[in-house]
All heavy atoms as atom14 arrays in JSON, in Angstrom:
{
  "sequence": "VRKLGMSAASGTIYIRIFELKPGDMLICGSDG",
  "atom14_mask": [
    [1, 1, 1, 1, 1, 1, 1, 0, 0, 0, 0, 0, 0, 0],
    [1, 1, 1, 1, 1, 1, 1, 1, 1, 1, 1, 0, 0, 0],
    [1, 1, 1, 1, 1, 1, 1, 1, 1, 0, 0, 0, 0, 0],
    [1, 1, 1, 1, 1, 1, 1, 1, 0, 0, 0, 0, 0, 0],
    [1, 1, 1, 1, 0, 0, 0, 0, 0, 0, 0, 0, 0, 0],
    [1, 1, 1, 1, 1, 1, 1, 1, 0, 0, 0, 0, 0, 0],
    [1, 1, 1, 1, 1, 1, 0, 0, 0, 0, 0, 0, 0, 0],
    [1, 1, 1, 1, 1, 0, 0, 0, 0, 0, 0, 0, 0, 0],
    [1, 1, 1, 1, 1, 0, 0, 0, 0, 0, 0, 0, 0, 0],
    [1, 1, 1, 1, 1, 1, 0, 0, 0, 0, 0, 0, 0, 0],
    [1, 1, 1, 1, 0, 0, 0, 0, 0, 0, 0, 0, 0, 0],
    [1, 1, 1, 1, 1, 1, 1, 0, 0, 0, 0, 0, 0, 0],
    [1, 1, 1, 1, 1, 1, 1, 1, 0, 0, 0, 0, 0, 0],
    [1, 1, 1, 1, 1, 1, 1, 1, 1, 1, 1, 1, 0, 0],
    [1, 1, 1, 1, 1, 1, 1, 1, 0, 0, 0, 0, 0, 0],
    [1, 1, 1, 1, 1, 1, 1, 1, 1, 1, 1, 0, 0, 0],
    [1, 1, 1, 1, 1, 1, 1, 1, 0, 0, 0, 0, 0, 0],
    [1, 1, 1, 1, 1, 1, 1, 1, 1, 1, 1, 0, 0, 0],
    [1, 1, 1, 1, 1, 1, 1, 1, 1, 0, 0, 0, 0, 0],
    [1, 1, 1, 1, 1, 1, 1, 1, 0, 0, 0, 0, 0, 0],
    [1, 1, 1, 1, 1, 1, 1, 1, 1, 0, 0, 0, 0, 0],
    [1, 1, 1, 1, 1, 1, 1, 0, 0, 0, 0, 0, 0, 0],
    [1, 1, 1, 1, 0, 0, 0, 0, 0, 0, 0, 0, 0, 0],
    [1, 1, 1, 1, 1, 1, 1, 1, 0, 0, 0, 0, 0, 0],
    [1, 1, 1, 1, 1, 1, 1, 1, 0, 0, 0, 0, 0, 0],
    [1, 1, 1, 1, 1, 1, 1, 1, 0, 0, 0, 0, 0, 0],
    [1, 1, 1, 1, 1, 1, 1, 1, 0, 0, 0, 0, 0, 0],
    [1, 1, 1, 1, 1, 1, 0, 0, 0, 0, 0, 0, 0, 0],
    [1, 1, 1, 1, 0, 0, 0, 0, 0, 0, 0, 0, 0, 0],
    [1, 1, 1, 1, 1, 1, 0, 0, 0, 0, 0, 0, 0, 0],
    [1, 1, 1, 1, 1, 1, 1, 1, 0, 0, 0, 0, 0, 0],
    [1, 1, 1, 1, 0, 0, 0, 0, 0, 0, 0, 0, 0, 0]
  ],
  "atom14_positions": [
    [[-8.97, 1.96, 5.19], [-9.55, 3.2, 5.72], [-8.49, 4.29, 5.73], [-7.34, 4.05, 6.14], [-10.09, 2.98, 7.16], [-10.74, 4.26, 7.68], [-11.1, 1.84, 7.19], [0.0, 0.0, 0.0], [0.0, 0.0, 0.0], [0.0, 0.0, 0.0], [0.0, 0.0, 0.0], [0.0, 0.0, 0.0], [0.0, 0.0, 0.0], [0.0, 0.0, 0.0]],
    [[-8.87, 5.49, 5.29], [-7.95, 6.62, 5.26], [-7.87, 7.29, 6.64], [-8.61, 6.96, 7.55], [-8.42, 7.65, 4.23], [-8.67, 7.09, 2.85], [-7.44, 6.57, 2.18], [-6.51, 7.65, 1.84], [-5.33, 7.43, 1.24], [-4.94, 6.2, 0.96], [-4.56, 8.44, 0.95], [0.0, 0.0, 0.0], [0.0, 0.0, 0.0], [0.0, 0.0, 0.0]],
    [[-6.96, 8.26, 6.75], [-6.76, 8.96, 8.03], [-8.03, 9.7, 8.45], [-8.85, 10.08, 7.61], [-5.62, 9.98, 7.9], [-4.22, 9.4, 7.81], [-3.21, 10.54, 7.8], [-1.77, 10.02, 7.81], [-1.38, 9.46, 6.51], [0.0, 0.0, 0.0], [0.0, 0.0, 0.0], [0.0, 0.0, 0.0], [0.0, 0.0, 0.0], [0.0, 0.0, 0.0]],
    [[-8.15, 9.94, 9.75], [-9.22, 10.81, 10.25], [-9.02, 12.21, 9.68], [-7.91, 12.75, 9.68], [-9.17, 10.89, 11.78], [-9.56, 9.65, 12.57], [-9.43, 9.94, 14.05], [-10.95, 9.2, 12.25], [0.0, 0.0, 0.0], [0.0, 0.0, 0.0], [0.0, 0.0, 0.0], [0.0, 0.0, 0.0], [0.0, 0.0, 0.0], [0.0, 0.0, 0.0]],
    [[-10.12, 12.81, 9.23], [-10.06, 14.15, 8.67], [-10.01, 14.19, 7.16], [-10.23, 15.24, 6.57], [0.0, 0.0, 0.0], [0.0, 0.0, 0.0], [0.0, 0.0, 0.0], [0.0, 0.0, 0.0], [0.0, 0.0, 0.0], [0.0, 0.0, 0.0], [0.0, 0.0, 0.0], [0.0, 0.0, 0.0], [0.0, 0.0, 0.0], [0.0, 0.0, 0.0]],
    [[-9.72, 13.05, 6.52], [-9.73, 13.0, 5.06], [-11.14, 12.66, 4.58], [-11.86, 11.88, 5.2], [-8.73, 11.96, 4.53], [-7.29, 12.29, 4.88], [-6.1, 11.16, 4.13], [-6.27, 11.6, 2.4], [0.0, 0.0, 0.0], [0.0, 0.0, 0.0], [0.0, 0.0, 0.0], [0.0, 0.0, 0.0], [0.0, 0.0, 0.0], [0.0, 0.0, 0.0]],
    [[-11.53, 13.25, 3.46], [-12.91, 13.09, 2.99], [-13.24, 11.64, 2.67], [-14.38, 11.23, 2.75], [-13.14, 13.96, 1.75], [-12.2, 13.63, 0.73], [0.0, 0.0, 0.0], [0.0, 0.0, 0.0], [0.0, 0.0, 0.0], [0.0, 0.0, 0.0], [0.0, 0.0, 0.0], [0.0, 0.0, 0.0], [0.0, 0.0, 0.0], [0.0, 0.0, 0.0]],
    [[-12.24, 10.83, 2.31], [-12.51, 9.43, 1.95], [-12.65, 8.53, 3.17], [-13.02, 7.38, 3.06], [-11.39, 8.88, 1.06], [0.0, 0.0, 0.0], [0.0, 0.0, 0.0], [0.0, 0.0, 0.0], [0.0, 0.0, 0.0], [0.0, 0.0, 0.0], [0.0, 0.0, 0.0], [0.0, 0.0, 0.0], [0.0, 0.0, 0.0], [0.0, 0.0, 0.0]],
    [[-12.37, 9.07, 4.38], [-12.37, 8.22, 5.57], [-13.75, 7.74, 5.96], [-13.91, 6.75, 6.64], [-11.74, 8.97, 6.75], [0.0, 0.0, 0.0], [0.0, 0.0, 0.0], [0.0, 0.0, 0.0], [0.0, 0.0, 0.0], [0.0, 0.0, 0.0], [0.0, 0.0, 0.0], [0.0, 0.0, 0.0], [0.0, 0.0, 0.0], [0.0, 0.0, 0.0]],
    [[-14.8, 8.45, 5.52], [-16.15, 8.09, 5.95], [-16.85, 7.18, 4.95], [-18.05, 7.03, 4.97], [-17.0, 9.36, 6.15], [-17.06, 10.09, 4.94], [0.0, 0.0, 0.0], [0.0, 0.0, 0.0], [0.0, 0.0, 0.0], [0.0, 0.0, 0.0], [0.0, 0.0, 0.0], [0.0, 0.0, 0.0], [0.0, 0.0, 0.0], [0.0, 0.0, 0.0]],
    [[-16.08, 6.56, 4.06], [-16.68, 5.63, 3.11], [-17.04, 4.32, 3.8], [-17.44, 4.28, 4.96], [0.0, 0.0, 0.0], [0.0, 0.0, 0.0], [0.0, 0.0, 0.0], [0.0, 0.0, 0.0], [0.0, 0.0, 0.0], [0.0, 0.0, 0.0], [0.0, 0.0, 0.0], [0.0, 0.0, 0.0], [0.0, 0.0, 0.0], [0.0, 0.0, 0.0]],
    [[-16.88, 3.2, 3.1], [-17.18, 1.89, 3.66], [-16.2, 1.59, 4.78], [-14.98, 1.59, 4.58], [-17.09, 0.81, 2.57], [-18.01, 1.11, 1.54], [-17.4, -0.55, 3.17], [0.0, 0.0, 0.0], [0.0, 0.0, 0.0], [0.0, 0.0, 0.0], [0.0, 0.0, 0.0], [0.0, 0.0, 0.0], [0.0, 0.0, 0.0], [0.0, 0.0, 0.0]],
    [[-16.72, 1.36, 5.98], [-15.87, 1.06, 7.13], [-15.77, -0.46, 7.28], [-16.79, -1.14, 7.41], [-16.45, 1.68, 8.42], [-16.65, 3.18, 8.23], [-15.53, 1.4, 9.59], [-15.4, 3.94, 7.94], [0.0, 0.0, 0.0], [0.0, 0.0, 0.0], [0.0, 0.0, 0.0], [0.0, 0.0, 0.0], [0.0, 0.0, 0.0], [0.0, 0.0, 0.0]],
    [[-14.55, -0.95, 7.23], [-14.3, -2.38, 7.33], [-13.77, -2.68, 8.73], [-12.71, -2.21, 9.11], [-13.28, -2.79, 6.26], [-12.81, -4.23, 6.34], [-13.71, -5.26, 6.55], [-11.46, -4.54, 6.18], [-13.28, -6.57, 6.61], [-11.02, -5.85, 6.23], [-11.93, -6.86, 6.46], [-11.51, -8.16, 6.52], [0.0, 0.0, 0.0], [0.0, 0.0, 0.0]],
    [[-14.54, -3.43, 9.51], [-14.14, -3.81, 10.86], [-13.33, -5.11, 10.77], [-13.86, -6.17, 10.41], [-15.36, -4.0, 11.78], [-16.23, -2.74, 11.79], [-14.9, -4.37, 13.19], [-15.54, -1.53, 12.31], [0.0, 0.0, 0.0], [0.0, 0.0, 0.0], [0.0, 0.0, 0.0], [0.0, 0.0, 0.0], [0.0, 0.0, 0.0], [0.0, 0.0, 0.0]],
    [[-12.05, -5.02, 11.06], [-11.22, -6.23, 11.07], [-11.41, -6.96, 12.4], [-11.62, -6.33, 13.45], [-9.74, -5.87, 10.91], [-9.39, -5.1, 9.64], [-7.95, -4.64, 9.74], [-7.55, -3.8, 8.62], [-6.86, -4.21, 7.57], [-6.5, -5.47, 7.48], [-6.53, -3.37, 6.6], [0.0, 0.0, 0.0], [0.0, 0.0, 0.0], [0.0, 0.0, 0.0]],
    [[-11.3, -8.27, 12.36], [-11.32, -9.05, 13.59], [-10.11, -9.97, 13.6], [-9.61, -10.38, 12.55], [-12.62, -9.87, 13.75], [-12.77, -10.9, 12.61], [-13.83, -8.98, 13.83], [-13.89, -11.89, 12.84], [0.0, 0.0, 0.0], [0.0, 0.0, 0.0], [0.0, 0.0, 0.0], [0.0, 0.0, 0.0], [0.0, 0.0, 0.0], [0.0, 0.0, 0.0]],
    [[-9.63, -10.26, 14.8], [-8.5, -11.18, 14.95], [-8.63, -11.85, 16.3], [-8.86, -11.19, 17.32], [-7.17, -10.42, 14.85], [-5.97, -11.33, 14.83], [-5.53, -11.87, 13.64], [-5.31, -11.64, 16.01], [-4.42, -12.71, 13.62], [-4.21, -12.48, 16.0], [-3.77, -13.02, 14.8], [0.0, 0.0, 0.0], [0.0, 0.0, 0.0], [0.0, 0.0, 0.0]],
    [[-8.49, -13.17, 16.31], [-8.65, -13.93, 17.55], [-7.31, -14.09, 18.24], [-6.39, -14.73, 17.71], [-9.27, -15.3, 17.26], [-9.61, -16.06, 18.52], [-10.36, -17.36, 18.23], [-10.53, -17.68, 17.04], [-10.74, -18.04, 19.19], [0.0, 0.0, 0.0], [0.0, 0.0, 0.0], [0.0, 0.0, 0.0], [0.0, 0.0, 0.0], [0.0, 0.0, 0.0]],
    [[-7.19, -13.47, 19.41], [-5.97, -13.6, 20.21], [-6.01, -14.92, 20.97], [-7.05, -15.31, 21.53], [-5.85, -12.44, 21.18], [-5.69, -11.04, 20.57], [-5.72, -9.98, 21.66], [-4.4, -10.94, 19.76], [0.0, 0.0, 0.0], [0.0, 0.0, 0.0], [0.0, 0.0, 0.0], [0.0, 0.0, 0.0], [0.0, 0.0, 0.0], [0.0, 0.0, 0.0]],
    [[-4.86, -15.58, 21.01], [-4.74, -16.83, 21.76], [-4.0, -16.55, 23.07], [-3.29, -15.55, 23.2], [-3.99, -17.86, 20.94], [-4.73, -18.28, 19.67], [-3.97, -19.35, 18.91], [-4.73, -19.79, 17.66], [-3.97, -20.81, 16.89], [0.0, 0.0, 0.0], [0.0, 0.0, 0.0], [0.0, 0.0, 0.0], [0.0, 0.0, 0.0], [0.0, 0.0, 0.0]],
    [[-4.16, -17.43, 24.05], [-3.47, -17.22, 25.33], [-1.96, -17.02, 25.11], [-1.32, -17.8, 24.4], [-3.77, -18.49, 26.11], [-5.08, -18.97, 25.55], [-5.04, -18.61, 24.1], [0.0, 0.0, 0.0], [0.0, 0.0, 0.0], [0.0, 0.0, 0.0], [0.0, 0.0, 0.0], [0.0, 0.0, 0.0], [0.0, 0.0, 0.0], [0.0, 0.0, 0.0]],
    [[-1.43, -15.98, 25.73], [-0.01, -15.67, 25.6], [0.32, -14.72, 24.47], [1.45, -14.24, 24.38], [0.0, 0.0, 0.0], [0.0, 0.0, 0.0], [0.0, 0.0, 0.0], [0.0, 0.0, 0.0], [0.0, 0.0, 0.0], [0.0, 0.0, 0.0], [0.0, 0.0, 0.0], [0.0, 0.0, 0.0], [0.0, 0.0, 0.0], [0.0, 0.0, 0.0]],
    [[-0.64, -14.42, 23.6], [-0.39, -13.51, 22.48], [-0.15, -12.09, 22.96], [-0.71, -11.65, 23.97], [-1.59, -13.5, 21.51], [-1.59, -14.71, 20.6], [-0.63, -15.49, 20.65], [-2.56, -14.87, 19.83], [0.0, 0.0, 0.0], [0.0, 0.0, 0.0], [0.0, 0.0, 0.0], [0.0, 0.0, 0.0], [0.0, 0.0, 0.0], [0.0, 0.0, 0.0]],
    [[0.7, -11.38, 22.21], [0.91, -9.95, 22.44], [0.58, -9.21, 21.15], [1.08, -9.57, 20.08], [2.36, -9.65, 22.83], [2.85, -10.31, 24.08], [4.55, -9.84, 24.44], [4.98, -11.08, 25.66], [0.0, 0.0, 0.0], [0.0, 0.0, 0.0], [0.0, 0.0, 0.0], [0.0, 0.0, 0.0], [0.0, 0.0, 0.0], [0.0, 0.0, 0.0]],
    [[-0.26, -8.2, 21.27], [-0.57, -7.3, 20.15], [0.13, -5.98, 20.4], [-0.06, -5.37, 21.45], [-2.08, -7.08, 20.03], [-2.52, -6.08, 18.95], [-2.34, -6.7, 17.57], [-3.95, -5.63, 19.16], [0.0, 0.0, 0.0], [0.0, 0.0, 0.0], [0.0, 0.0, 0.0], [0.0, 0.0, 0.0], [0.0, 0.0, 0.0], [0.0, 0.0, 0.0]],
    [[0.96, -5.55, 19.44], [1.74, -4.33, 19.6], [1.4, -3.37, 18.47], [1.56, -3.7, 17.29], [3.25, -4.63, 19.61], [3.59, -5.59, 20.76], [4.05, -3.34, 19.73], [5.03, -6.05, 20.78], [0.0, 0.0, 0.0], [0.0, 0.0, 0.0], [0.0, 0.0, 0.0], [0.0, 0.0, 0.0], [0.0, 0.0, 0.0], [0.0, 0.0, 0.0]],
    [[0.92, -2.19, 18.83], [0.63, -1.13, 17.88], [1.6, 0.02, 18.11], [1.94, 0.32, 19.25], [-0.81, -0.62, 18.03], [-2.07, -1.9, 17.94], [0.0, 0.0, 0.0], [0.0, 0.0, 0.0], [0.0, 0.0, 0.0], [0.0, 0.0, 0.0], [0.0, 0.0, 0.0], [0.0, 0.0, 0.0], [0.0, 0.0, 0.0], [0.0, 0.0, 0.0]],
    [[2.04, 0.66, 17.06], [3.01, 1.73, 17.21], [2.86, 2.79, 16.14], [2.29, 2.56, 15.07], [0.0, 0.0, 0.0], [0.0, 0.0, 0.0], [0.0, 0.0, 0.0], [0.0, 0.0, 0.0], [0.0, 0.0, 0.0], [0.0, 0.0, 0.0], [0.0, 0.0, 0.0], [0.0, 0.0, 0.0], [0.0, 0.0, 0.0], [0.0, 0.0, 0.0]],
    [[3.4, 3.98, 16.42], [3.33, 5.1, 15.48], [4.49, 5.03, 14.49], [5.34, 4.13, 14.52], [3.35, 6.41, 16.26], [4.59, 6.54, 16.95], [0.0, 0.0, 0.0], [0.0, 0.0, 0.0], [0.0, 0.0, 0.0], [0.0, 0.0, 0.0], [0.0, 0.0, 0.0], [0.0, 0.0, 0.0], [0.0, 0.0, 0.0], [0.0, 0.0, 0.0]],
    [[4.57, 6.05, 13.61], [5.6, 6.08, 12.58], [7.01, 6.12, 13.16], [7.96, 5.77, 12.46], [5.41, 7.31, 11.68], [4.2, 7.17, 10.78], [3.81, 6.02, 10.51], [3.64, 8.2, 10.35], [0.0, 0.0, 0.0], [0.0, 0.0, 0.0], [0.0, 0.0, 0.0], [0.0, 0.0, 0.0], [0.0, 0.0, 0.0], [0.0, 0.0, 0.0]],
    [[7.15, 6.57, 14.4], [8.48, 6.67, 14.98], [9.23, 5.36, 15.01], [10.46, 5.35, 15.0], [0.0, 0.0, 0.0], [0.0, 0.0, 0.0], [0.0, 0.0, 0.0], [0.0, 0.0, 0.0], [0.0, 0.0, 0.0], [0.0, 0.0, 0.0], [0.0, 0.0, 0.0], [0.0, 0.0, 0.0], [0.0, 0.0, 0.0], [0.0, 0.0, 0.0]]
  ]
}
């Protein structure tokens, strides 16, 4: 999926799934 605001962003939307297990940490971060 492309960035918000780009014309290609509204194409096919793929919803990813991931099963978290007890004790898991999910960390998301920016370009910094």
